[in-house]
PDB file of N, CA and C in Angstrom:
ATOM      1  N   MET A   1      11.705  63.693 -65.182  1.00  0.00           N
ATOM      2  CA  MET A   1      11.152  65.214 -64.878  1.00  0.00           C
ATOM      3  C   MET A   1      12.269  65.805 -64.030  1.00  0.00           C
ATOM      4  N   ALA A   2      12.210  67.392 -63.926  1.00  0.00           N
ATOM      5  CA  ALA A   2      12.942  68.333 -63.538  1.00  0.00           C
ATOM      6  C   ALA A   2      12.700  68.361 -62.075  1.00  0.00           C
ATOM      7  N   THR A   3      13.776  68.562 -61.422  1.00  0.00           N
ATOM      8  CA  THR A   3      13.458  68.768 -59.969  1.00  0.00           C
ATOM      9  C   THR A   3      12.943  70.042 -59.898  1.00  0.00           C
ATOM     10  N   LYS A   4      12.013  70.119 -58.420  1.00  0.00           N
ATOM     11  CA  LYS A   4      11.564  71.133 -58.070  1.00  0.00           C
ATOM     12  C   LYS A   4      12.874  72.433 -57.587  1.00  0.00           C
ATOM     13  N   PRO A   5      12.432  73.412 -57.338  1.00  0.00           N
ATOM     14  CA  PRO A   5      13.717  74.066 -56.988  1.00  0.00           C
ATOM     15  C   PRO A   5      13.379  74.365 -55.563  1.00  0.00           C
ATOM     16  N   CYS A   6      14.353  73.895 -54.254  1.00  0.00           N
ATOM     17  CA  CYS A   6      14.355  73.956 -53.054  1.00  0.00           C
ATOM     18  C   CYS A   6      14.411  75.130 -51.963  1.00  0.00           C
ATOM     19  N   PRO A   7      13.549  74.929 -51.302  1.00  0.00           N
ATOM     20  CA  PRO A   7      14.069  76.277 -50.312  1.00  0.00           C
ATOM     21  C   PRO A   7      14.892  75.833 -49.332  1.00  0.00           C
ATOM     22  N   GLY A   8      16.040  77.065 -48.929  1.00  0.00           N
ATOM     23  CA  GLY A   8      17.255  77.002 -48.472  1.00  0.00           C
ATOM     24  C   GLY A   8      16.538  76.747 -46.790  1.00  0.00           C
ATOM     25  N   ARG A   9      17.997  76.824 -45.917  1.00  0.00           N
ATOM     26  CA  ARG A   9      17.999  76.654 -44.638  1.00  0.00           C
ATOM     27  C   ARG A   9      17.488  77.487 -44.172  1.00  0.00           C
ATOM     28  N   GLY A  10      16.031  77.487 -42.999  1.00  0.00           N
ATOM     29  CA  GLY A  10      15.601  78.205 -42.231  1.00  0.00           C
ATOM     30  C   GLY A  10      14.135  78.842 -42.863  1.00  0.00           C
ATOM     31  N   ALA A  11      14.030  78.851 -44.200  1.00  0.00           N
ATOM     32  CA  ALA A  11      12.635  78.745 -44.590  1.00  0.00           C
ATOM     33  C   ALA A  11      11.327  78.003 -44.046  1.00  0.00           C
ATOM     34  N   VAL A  12      10.564  79.282 -44.086  1.00  0.00           N
ATOM     35  CA  VAL A  12       9.142  78.404 -43.737  1.00  0.00           C
ATOM     36  C   VAL A  12       8.434  77.838 -44.734  1.00  0.00           C
ATOM     37  N   ILE A  13       7.835  76.752 -44.545  1.00  0.00           N
ATOM     38  CA  ILE A  13       7.259  75.950 -45.515  1.00  0.00           C
ATOM     39  C   ILE A  13       5.775  75.770 -44.981  1.00  0.00           C
ATOM     40  N   THR A  14       5.189  75.432 -46.320  1.00  0.00           N
ATOM     41  CA  THR A  14       4.003  74.500 -46.148  1.00  0.00           C
ATOM     42  C   THR A  14       3.205  73.969 -46.755  1.00  0.00           C
ATOM     43  N   TYR A  15       3.046  72.598 -46.416  1.00  0.00           N
ATOM     44  CA  TYR A  15       3.150  70.935 -47.616  1.00  0.00           C
ATOM     45  C   TYR A  15       1.759  70.372 -47.224  1.00  0.00           C
ATOM     46  N   LEU A  16       1.684  69.749 -48.271  1.00  0.00           N
ATOM     47  CA  LEU A  16       0.695  68.804 -48.395  1.00  0.00           C
ATOM     48  C   LEU A  16       0.820  67.515 -47.984  1.00  0.00           C
ATOM     49  N   ASN A  17       0.364  67.357 -46.370  1.00  0.00           N
ATOM     50  CA  ASN A  17       0.669  65.934 -45.857  1.00  0.00           C
ATOM     51  C   ASN A  17       0.607  64.783 -46.305  1.00  0.00           C
ATOM     52  N   PRO A  18       1.734  64.063 -46.422  1.00  0.00           N
ATOM     53  CA  PRO A  18       1.275  62.895 -47.329  1.00  0.00           C
ATOM     54  C   PRO A  18       1.060  61.751 -46.052  1.00  0.00           C
ATOM     55  N   ASP A  19       0.916  62.241 -45.011  1.00  0.00           N
ATOM     56  CA  ASP A  19       0.340  61.002 -43.895  1.00  0.00           C
ATOM     57  C   ASP A  19      -1.137  61.284 -44.242  1.00  0.00           C
ATOM     58  N   VAL A  20      -1.976  60.029 -44.141  1.00  0.00           N
ATOM     59  CA  VAL A  20      -3.166  60.185 -44.761  1.00  0.00           C
ATOM     60  C   VAL A  20      -3.997  60.309 -43.670  1.00  0.00           C
ATOM     61  N   MET A  21      -3.294  59.514 -42.381  1.00  0.00           N
ATOM     62  CA  MET A  21      -3.927  59.230 -41.204  1.00  0.00           C
ATOM     63  C   MET A  21      -3.766  60.309 -40.237  1.00  0.00           C
ATOM     64  N   HIS A  22      -3.201  61.647 -40.401  1.00  0.00           N
ATOM     65  CA  HIS A  22      -2.685  62.750 -40.005  1.00  0.00           C
ATOM     66  C   HIS A  22      -3.995  63.677 -40.142  1.00  0.00           C
ATOM     67  N   PRO A  23      -4.641  64.387 -38.804  1.00  0.00           N
ATOM     68  CA  PRO A  23      -5.386  65.192 -39.159  1.00  0.00           C
ATOM     69  C   PRO A  23      -5.601  66.503 -40.213  1.00  0.00           C
ATOM     70  N   SER A  24      -4.148  66.925 -40.085  1.00  0.00           N
ATOM     71  CA  SER A  24      -3.966  68.027 -40.696  1.00  0.00           C
ATOM     72  C   SER A  24      -3.343  67.761 -42.348  1.00  0.00           C
ATOM     73  N   VAL A  25      -4.052  68.676 -43.169  1.00  0.00           N
ATOM     74  CA  VAL A  25      -4.001  68.310 -44.712  1.00  0.00           C
ATOM     75  C   VAL A  25      -2.840  69.138 -45.245  1.00  0.00           C
ATOM     76  N   TYR A  26      -2.477  70.079 -44.443  1.00  0.00           N
ATOM     77  CA  TYR A  26      -1.752  71.096 -44.558  1.00  0.00           C
ATOM     78  C   TYR A  26      -0.782  71.516 -43.657  1.00  0.00           C
ATOM     79  N   VAL A  27       0.674  71.460 -43.446  1.00  0.00           N
ATOM     80  CA  VAL A  27       1.357  71.341 -42.210  1.00  0.00           C
ATOM     81  C   VAL A  27       2.639  72.468 -42.733  1.00  0.00           C
ATOM     82  N   ARG A  28       2.961  73.024 -41.612  1.00  0.00           N
ATOM     83  CA  ARG A  28       3.930  74.140 -41.748  1.00  0.00           C
ATOM     84  C   ARG A  28       5.195  73.583 -41.135  1.00  0.00           C
ATOM     85  N   ALA A  29       6.327  73.452 -41.312  1.00  0.00           N
ATOM     86  CA  ALA A  29       7.616  72.978 -40.971  1.00  0.00           C
ATOM     87  C   ALA A  29       8.577  74.070 -41.068  1.00  0.00           C
ATOM     88  N   VAL A  30       9.516  74.007 -40.643  1.00  0.00           N
ATOM     89  CA  VAL A  30      11.222  75.113 -41.041  1.00  0.00           C
ATOM     90  C   VAL A  30      12.146  73.682 -41.492  1.00  0.00           C
ATOM     91  N   VAL A  31      12.892  74.441 -42.606  1.00  0.00           N
ATOM     92  CA  VAL A  31      13.919  73.552 -43.489  1.00  0.00           C
ATOM     93  C   VAL A  31      15.087  73.627 -42.489  1.00  0.00           C
ATOM     94  N   ILE A  32      15.570  72.824 -42.522  1.00  0.00           N
ATOM     95  CA  ILE A  32      16.452  72.615 -40.948  1.00  0.00           C
ATOM     96  C   ILE A  32      18.009  72.189 -41.401  1.00  0.00           C
ATOM     97  N   GLY A  33      18.076  72.097 -43.051  1.00  0.00           N
ATOM     98  CA  GLY A  33      19.242  71.411 -43.472  1.00  0.00           C
ATOM     99  C   GLY A  33      19.733  71.265 -45.166  1.00  0.00           C
ATOM    100  N   VAL A  34      20.304  70.965 -45.630  1.00  0.00           N
ATOM    101  CA  VAL A  34      20.511  71.162 -47.424  1.00  0.00           C
ATOM    102  C   VAL A  34      19.509  69.848 -47.868  1.00  0.00           C
ATOM    103  N   HIS A  35      19.229  70.262 -48.893  1.00  0.00           N
ATOM    104  CA  HIS A  35      18.426  69.218 -49.806  1.00  0.00           C
ATOM    105  C   HIS A  35      19.440  68.160 -50.352  1.00  0.00           C
ATOM    106  N   VAL A  36      18.926  66.897 -50.561  1.00  0.00           N
ATOM    107  CA  VAL A  36      19.367  65.579 -51.157  1.00  0.00           C
ATOM    108  C   VAL A  36      18.682  65.301 -52.373  1.00  0.00           C
ATOM    109  N   VAL A  37      18.923  65.087 -53.457  1.00  0.00           N
ATOM    110  CA  VAL A  37      18.391  64.376 -54.740  1.00  0.00           C
ATOM    111  C   VAL A  37      18.373  62.561 -54.771  1.00  0.00           C
ATOM    112  N   ASP A  38      17.072  62.099 -55.275  1.00  0.00           N
ATOM    113  CA  ASP A  38      16.820  60.926 -55.165  1.00  0.00           C
ATOM    114  C   ASP A  38      17.713  60.199 -56.518  1.00  0.00           C
ATOM    115  N   PRO A  39      18.911  59.385 -56.787  1.00  0.00           N
ATOM    116  CA  PRO A  39      19.142  59.251 -57.973  1.00  0.00           C
ATOM    117  C   PRO A  39      18.185  58.531 -58.812  1.00  0.00           C
ATOM    118  N   LEU A  40      17.649  57.674 -58.225  1.00  0.00           N
ATOM    119  CA  LEU A  40      16.678  57.027 -59.073  1.00  0.00           C
ATOM    120  C   LEU A  40      15.095  57.752 -59.574  1.00  0.00           C
ATOM    121  N   THR A  41      14.849  58.504 -59.147  1.00  0.00           N
ATOM    122  CA  THR A  41      13.644  59.362 -59.411  1.00  0.00           C
ATOM    123  C   THR A  41      13.885  60.740 -59.521  1.00  0.00           C
ATOM    124  N   SER A  42      15.217  61.274 -59.159  1.00  0.00           N
ATOM    125  CA  SER A  42      15.372  62.750 -59.513  1.00  0.00           C
ATOM    126  C   SER A  42      14.404  63.641 -58.566  1.00  0.00           C
ATOM    127  N   HIS A  43      14.017  63.238 -57.359  1.00  0.00           N
ATOM    128  CA  HIS A  43      13.114  63.906 -56.396  1.00  0.00           C
ATOM    129  C   HIS A  43      14.049  64.752 -55.683  1.00  0.00           C
ATOM    130  N   THR A  44      13.872  65.991 -55.530  1.00  0.00           N
ATOM    131  CA  THR A  44      14.875  66.432 -54.168  1.00  0.00           C
ATOM    132  C   THR A  44      13.950  66.512 -52.740  1.00  0.00           C
ATOM    133  N   TRP A  45      14.876  66.366 -51.818  1.00  0.00           N
ATOM    134  CA  TRP A  45      14.221  65.939 -50.216  1.00  0.00           C
ATOM    135  C   TRP A  45      14.961  67.061 -49.533  1.00  0.00           C
ATOM    136  N   VAL A  46      14.200  67.622 -48.661  1.00  0.00           N
ATOM    137  CA  VAL A  46      14.650  68.737 -47.779  1.00  0.00           C
ATOM    138  C   VAL A  46      14.400  68.046 -46.109  1.00  0.00           C
ATOM    139  N   PRO A  47      15.373  68.181 -45.208  1.00  0.00           N
ATOM    140  CA  PRO A  47      15.272  67.868 -43.870  1.00  0.00           C
ATOM    141  C   PRO A  47      14.227  69.246 -43.240  1.00  0.00           C
ATOM    142  N   VAL A  48      13.147  68.789 -42.444  1.00  0.00           N
ATOM    143  CA  VAL A  48      11.944  69.639 -41.610  1.00  0.00           C
ATOM    144  C   VAL A  48      11.969  69.566 -40.638  1.00  0.00           C
ATOM    145  N   LEU A  49      11.648  70.566 -39.445  1.00  0.00           N
ATOM    146  CA  LEU A  49      11.248  70.468 -38.630  1.00  0.00           C
ATOM    147  C   LEU A  49      10.104  70.860 -38.164  1.00  0.00           C
ATOM    148  N   ARG A  50       8.902  70.082 -37.413  1.00  0.00           N
ATOM    149  CA  ARG A  50       7.383  70.567 -37.408  1.00  0.00           C
ATOM    150  C   ARG A  50       7.486  71.225 -36.161  1.00  0.00           C
ATOM    151  N   PRO A  51       6.309  71.986 -35.891  1.00  0.00           N
ATOM    152  CA  PRO A  51       6.249  72.630 -34.750  1.00  0.00           C
ATOM    153  C   PRO A  51       5.794  71.351 -33.682  1.00  0.00           C
ATOM    154  N   ASP A  52       5.502  70.409 -33.916  1.00  0.00           N
ATOM    155  CA  ASP A  52       5.685  69.312 -32.603  1.00  0.00           C
ATOM    156  C   ASP A  52       6.979  68.855 -32.440  1.00  0.00           C
ATOM    157  N   GLY A  53       8.058  69.275 -33.053  1.00  0.00           N
ATOM    158  CA  GLY A  53       9.437  68.289 -32.561  1.00  0.00           C
ATOM    159  C   GLY A  53       9.781  67.544 -33.757  1.00  0.00           C
ATOM    160  N   ALA A  54       9.005  66.724 -34.564  1.00  0.00           N
ATOM    161  CA  ALA A  54       8.764  66.024 -35.055  1.00  0.00           C
ATOM    162  C   ALA A  54      10.421  66.690 -36.523  1.00  0.00           C
ATOM    163  N   VAL A  55      10.863  65.506 -36.671  1.00  0.00           N
ATOM    164  CA  VAL A  55      12.230  65.874 -37.705  1.00  0.00           C
ATOM    165  C   VAL A  55      11.927  64.525 -39.013  1.00  0.00           C
ATOM    166  N   LEU A  56      11.756  65.277 -40.231  1.00  0.00           N
ATOM    167  CA  LEU A  56      11.857  64.489 -41.074  1.00  0.00           C
ATOM    168  C   LEU A  56      12.180  64.565 -42.452  1.00  0.00           C
ATOM    169  N   VAL A  57      12.061  63.803 -43.316  1.00  0.00           N
ATOM    170  CA  VAL A  57      12.772  64.357 -44.424  1.00  0.00           C
ATOM    171  C   VAL A  57      11.680  64.295 -45.883  1.00  0.00           C
ATOM    172  N   LEU A  58      11.261  65.591 -46.223  1.00  0.00           N
ATOM    173  CA  LEU A  58      10.316  65.796 -47.104  1.00  0.00           C
ATOM    174  C   LEU A  58      10.539  65.851 -48.514  1.00  0.00           C
ATOM    175  N   ASP A  59       9.808  65.326 -49.416  1.00  0.00           N
ATOM    176  CA  ASP A  59       9.751  65.382 -50.755  1.00  0.00           C
ATOM    177  C   ASP A  59       9.378  66.602 -51.153  1.00  0.00           C
ATOM    178  N   THR A  60       9.991  67.718 -52.042  1.00  0.00           N
ATOM    179  CA  THR A  60       9.651  68.860 -52.524  1.00  0.00           C
ATOM    180  C   THR A  60       8.673  69.264 -53.236  1.00  0.00           C
ATOM    181  N   ALA A  61       8.153  68.088 -53.859  1.00  0.00           N
ATOM    182  CA  ALA A  61       7.043  67.717 -54.657  1.00  0.00           C
ATOM    183  C   ALA A  61       5.410  68.263 -53.593  1.00  0.00           C
ATOM    184  N   ASN A  62       6.164  68.085 -52.492  1.00  0.00           N
ATOM    185  CA  ASN A  62       4.715  67.988 -51.706  1.00  0.00           C
ATOM    186  C   ASN A  62       4.453  69.786 -50.756  1.00  0.00           C
ATOM    187  N   ILE A  63       5.628  70.619 -51.253  1.00  0.00           N
ATOM    188  CA  ILE A  63       5.696  71.924 -51.058  1.00  0.00           C
ATOM    189  C   ILE A  63       4.718  72.775 -51.769  1.00  0.00           C
ATOM    190  N   ILE A  64       3.678  73.663 -51.083  1.00  0.00           N
ATOM    191  CA  ILE A  64       2.996  74.359 -51.866  1.00  0.00           C
ATOM    192  C   ILE A  64       3.205  75.944 -51.704  1.00  0.00           C
ATOM    193  N   LYS A  65       3.987  76.032 -50.631  1.00  0.00           N
ATOM    194  CA  LYS A  65       4.307  77.540 -50.449  1.00  0.00           C
ATOM    195  C   LYS A  65       5.714  77.657 -49.294  1.00  0.00           C
ATOM    196  N   VAL A  66       6.146  78.633 -50.123  1.00  0.00           N
ATOM    197  CA  VAL A  66       7.416  78.917 -48.987  1.00  0.00           C
ATOM    198  C   VAL A  66       7.733  80.524 -48.874  1.00  0.00           C
ATOM    199  N   GLN A  67       7.800  80.485 -47.356  1.00  0.00           N
ATOM    200  CA  GLN A  67       8.260  82.073 -46.867  1.00  0.00           C
ATOM    201  C   GLN A  67      10.132  81.698 -47.008  1.00  0.00           C
ATOM    202  N   PRO A  68      10.274  82.978 -47.412  1.00  0.00           N
ATOM    203  CA  PRO A  68      12.117  82.950 -47.190  1.00  0.00           C
ATOM    204  C   PRO A  68      12.605  83.099 -45.959  1.00  0.00           C
ATOM    205  N   GLU A  69      13.478  82.775 -46.254  1.00  0.00           N
ATOM    206  CA  GLU A  69      14.841  82.694 -44.681  1.00  0.00           C
ATOM    207  C   GLU A  69      14.688  83.954 -44.282  1.00  0.00           C
ATOM    208  N   PRO A  70      14.804  84.330 -42.952  1.00  0.00           N
ATOM    209  CA  PRO A  70      14.912  85.857 -42.284  1.00  0.00           C
ATOM    210  C   PRO A  70      16.030  86.127 -42.643  1.00  0.00           C
ATOM    211  N   GLY A  71      15.867  87.624 -43.074  1.00  0.00           N
ATOM    212  CA  GLY A  71      16.696  88.256 -43.672  1.00  0.00           C
ATOM    213  C   GLY A  71      16.955  88.000 -44.868  1.00  0.00           C
ATOM    214  N   ARG A  72      16.587  87.463 -45.740  1.00  0.00           N
ATOM    215  CA  ARG A  72      16.458  87.307 -47.249  1.00  0.00           C
ATOM    216  C   ARG A  72      15.581  87.747 -47.894  1.00  0.00           C
ATOM    217  N   ALA A  73      14.293  88.261 -47.297  1.00  0.00           N
ATOM    218  CA  ALA A  73      13.310  88.884 -48.468  1.00  0.00           C
ATOM    219  C   ALA A  73      13.286  89.868 -49.100  1.00  0.00           C
TER     220      ALA A  73
END
């Protein structure tokens, strides 16, 4: 499986929330670091900061929309 292109640091993303217990299906966050690739699955993951202050590492397969980093439009 090919890796999905990953957004750069500072990009605002909208993603499908993998947490089925969370009330929001779609969540926005900001990419805060460089991506990593899982060597077993070849999935690309990015660290993100949510509006509630939570930091998590997100599989890019869940990203549905990317707004470019400020200054790179």
